[in-house]
């Protein structure tokens, strides 16, 4: 698995929003670089579907309590993922909220 830092992803998609420094340096799977970007107001969504029929989504919401959310929809219909808070700390698994 190859990783890139969030700052690289934001540059790739020309997203100029301010996010916490710790998130900008956080690593994510580079698969998102090939995703499709949509924007609504100041919120962004990057979606990519893999050959294994898994849909990966990254939500970037700069003004939210959790400005970065990663969610994957599995072939069985279940979801998993992680929410990353504004303040540095551990991410919160989606199933814990």
C-alpha atoms as a PDB file:
ATOM      1  CA  UNK A   1       0.000   0.000   0.000  1.00  0.00           C
ATOM      2  CA  UNK A   2       1.356   3.413  -0.950  1.00  0.00           C
ATOM      3  CA  UNK A   3       0.671   6.509   1.123  1.00  0.00           C
ATOM      4  CA  UNK A   4       0.651  10.258   0.583  1.00  0.00           C
ATOM      5  CA  UNK A   5       0.185  13.061   3.057  1.00  0.00           C
ATOM      6  CA  UNK A   6      -3.025  15.063   3.112  1.00  0.00           C
ATOM      7  CA  UNK A   7      -1.210  18.234   2.011  1.00  0.00           C
ATOM      8  CA  UNK A   8      -0.303  16.457  -1.261  1.00  0.00           C
ATOM      9  CA  UNK A   9      -3.918  15.481  -1.834  1.00  0.00           C
ATOM     10  CA  UNK A  10      -5.138  19.032  -1.210  1.00  0.00           C
ATOM     11  CA  UNK A  11      -2.536  20.358  -3.663  1.00  0.00           C
ATOM     12  CA  UNK A  12      -3.484  17.736  -6.247  1.00  0.00           C
ATOM     13  CA  UNK A  13      -7.156  18.781  -6.159  1.00  0.00           C
ATOM     14  CA  UNK A  14      -6.329  22.477  -5.645  1.00  0.00           C
ATOM     15  CA  UNK A  15      -8.191  22.600  -2.337  1.00  0.00           C
ATOM     16  CA  UNK A  16      -7.050  25.731  -0.521  1.00  0.00           C
ATOM     17  CA  UNK A  17      -8.817  25.255   2.807  1.00  0.00           C
ATOM     18  CA  UNK A  18      -7.095  25.648   6.175  1.00  0.00           C
ATOM     19  CA  UNK A  19      -6.804  22.440   8.150  1.00  0.00           C
ATOM     20  CA  UNK A  20      -4.866  21.639  11.340  1.00  0.00           C
ATOM     21  CA  UNK A  21      -1.140  21.110  10.774  1.00  0.00           C
ATOM     22  CA  UNK A  22      -1.209  17.616  12.211  1.00  0.00           C
ATOM     23  CA  UNK A  23      -3.827  16.604   9.604  1.00  0.00           C
ATOM     24  CA  UNK A  24      -1.879  18.157   6.741  1.00  0.00           C
ATOM     25  CA  UNK A  25       1.056  15.880   7.655  1.00  0.00           C
ATOM     26  CA  UNK A  26      -1.107  12.790   8.238  1.00  0.00           C
ATOM     27  CA  UNK A  27      -0.689   9.913   5.777  1.00  0.00           C
ATOM     28  CA  UNK A  28      -3.563   8.458   3.786  1.00  0.00           C
ATOM     29  CA  UNK A  29      -3.798   5.847   1.052  1.00  0.00           C
ATOM     30  CA  UNK A  30      -2.814   7.440  -2.239  1.00  0.00           C
ATOM     31  CA  UNK A  31      -5.803   5.797  -3.957  1.00  0.00           C
ATOM     32  CA  UNK A  32      -7.695   9.041  -3.292  1.00  0.00           C
ATOM     33  CA  UNK A  33      -5.489  10.827  -5.861  1.00  0.00           C
ATOM     34  CA  UNK A  34      -7.428   8.939  -8.574  1.00  0.00           C
ATOM     35  CA  UNK A  35     -10.814   9.736  -7.035  1.00  0.00           C
ATOM     36  CA  UNK A  36     -13.566  12.027  -8.235  1.00  0.00           C
ATOM     37  CA  UNK A  37     -13.884  15.345  -6.388  1.00  0.00           C
ATOM     38  CA  UNK A  38     -17.178  17.077  -5.710  1.00  0.00           C
ATOM     39  CA  UNK A  39     -17.628  20.319  -3.798  1.00  0.00           C
ATOM     40  CA  UNK A  40     -20.598  21.806  -2.005  1.00  0.00           C
ATOM     41  CA  UNK A  41     -19.968  25.141  -0.293  1.00  0.00           C
ATOM     42  CA  UNK A  42     -16.728  24.607   1.681  1.00  0.00           C
ATOM     43  CA  UNK A  43     -17.176  20.833   1.896  1.00  0.00           C
ATOM     44  CA  UNK A  44     -15.387  18.378  -0.368  1.00  0.00           C
ATOM     45  CA  UNK A  45     -15.941  14.714  -1.139  1.00  0.00           C
ATOM     46  CA  UNK A  46     -13.481  12.452  -2.941  1.00  0.00           C
ATOM     47  CA  UNK A  47     -14.810   9.056  -4.025  1.00  0.00           C
ATOM     48  CA  UNK A  48     -13.133   6.108  -5.696  1.00  0.00           C
ATOM     49  CA  UNK A  49     -14.340   2.551  -6.287  1.00  0.00           C
ATOM     50  CA  UNK A  50     -11.756  -0.250  -6.371  1.00  0.00           C
ATOM     51  CA  UNK A  51     -11.686  -3.444  -8.400  1.00  0.00           C
ATOM     52  CA  UNK A  52     -12.652  -5.274  -5.215  1.00  0.00           C
ATOM     53  CA  UNK A  53     -15.974  -3.391  -5.315  1.00  0.00           C
ATOM     54  CA  UNK A  54     -15.111  -1.256  -2.282  1.00  0.00           C
ATOM     55  CA  UNK A  55     -16.071   2.416  -2.421  1.00  0.00           C
ATOM     56  CA  UNK A  56     -13.673   4.667  -0.506  1.00  0.00           C
ATOM     57  CA  UNK A  57     -14.796   8.176   0.425  1.00  0.00           C
ATOM     58  CA  UNK A  58     -12.897  11.076   1.945  1.00  0.00           C
ATOM     59  CA  UNK A  59     -14.900  13.988   3.291  1.00  0.00           C
ATOM     60  CA  UNK A  60     -13.060  17.258   3.910  1.00  0.00           C
ATOM     61  CA  UNK A  61     -15.155  19.691   5.943  1.00  0.00           C
ATOM     62  CA  UNK A  62     -12.837  22.419   7.278  1.00  0.00           C
ATOM     63  CA  UNK A  63     -15.416  23.986   9.631  1.00  0.00           C
ATOM     64  CA  UNK A  64     -16.615  20.690  11.144  1.00  0.00           C
ATOM     65  CA  UNK A  65     -15.617  19.210  14.514  1.00  0.00           C
ATOM     66  CA  UNK A  66     -14.114  16.348  12.462  1.00  0.00           C
ATOM     67  CA  UNK A  67     -12.633  18.067   9.381  1.00  0.00           C
ATOM     68  CA  UNK A  68     -11.522  14.819   7.713  1.00  0.00           C
ATOM     69  CA  UNK A  69     -13.611  11.657   7.549  1.00  0.00           C
ATOM     70  CA  UNK A  70     -12.632   8.478   5.743  1.00  0.00           C
ATOM     71  CA  UNK A  71     -15.398   5.984   5.038  1.00  0.00           C
ATOM     72  CA  UNK A  72     -15.440   2.788   3.013  1.00  0.00           C
ATOM     73  CA  UNK A  73     -18.510   0.925   1.804  1.00  0.00           C
ATOM     74  CA  UNK A  74     -17.734  -2.777   1.639  1.00  0.00           C
ATOM     75  CA  UNK A  75     -19.218  -5.226  -0.892  1.00  0.00           C
ATOM     76  CA  UNK A  76     -21.500  -6.646   1.835  1.00  0.00           C
ATOM     77  CA  UNK A  77     -23.061  -3.173   2.312  1.00  0.00           C
ATOM     78  CA  UNK A  78     -21.370  -2.467   5.637  1.00  0.00           C
ATOM     79  CA  UNK A  79     -19.372   0.697   6.291  1.00  0.00           C
ATOM     80  CA  UNK A  80     -16.148   1.285   8.175  1.00  0.00           C
ATOM     81  CA  UNK A  81     -13.972   4.307   8.563  1.00  0.00           C
ATOM     82  CA  UNK A  82     -12.391   6.926  10.764  1.00  0.00           C
ATOM     83  CA  UNK A  83     -13.128  10.501  11.808  1.00  0.00           C
ATOM     84  CA  UNK A  84     -10.206  12.838  12.475  1.00  0.00           C
ATOM     85  CA  UNK A  85     -10.791  15.682  14.971  1.00  0.00           C
ATOM     86  CA  UNK A  86      -9.607  19.295  14.731  1.00  0.00           C
ATOM     87  CA  UNK A  87      -7.319  18.809  17.706  1.00  0.00           C
ATOM     88  CA  UNK A  88      -4.522  16.305  17.426  1.00  0.00           C
ATOM     89  CA  UNK A  89      -5.401  12.999  18.932  1.00  0.00           C
ATOM     90  CA  UNK A  90      -6.510   9.595  17.909  1.00  0.00           C
ATOM     91  CA  UNK A  91      -9.061   9.272  15.186  1.00  0.00           C
ATOM     92  CA  UNK A  92     -12.479   7.984  16.140  1.00  0.00           C
ATOM     93  CA  UNK A  93     -13.664   4.818  14.381  1.00  0.00           C
ATOM     94  CA  UNK A  94     -17.004   5.339  12.640  1.00  0.00           C
ATOM     95  CA  UNK A  95     -18.562   2.452  14.577  1.00  0.00           C
ATOM     96  CA  UNK A  96     -17.754   4.206  17.882  1.00  0.00           C
ATOM     97  CA  UNK A  97     -19.978   7.239  17.154  1.00  0.00           C
END
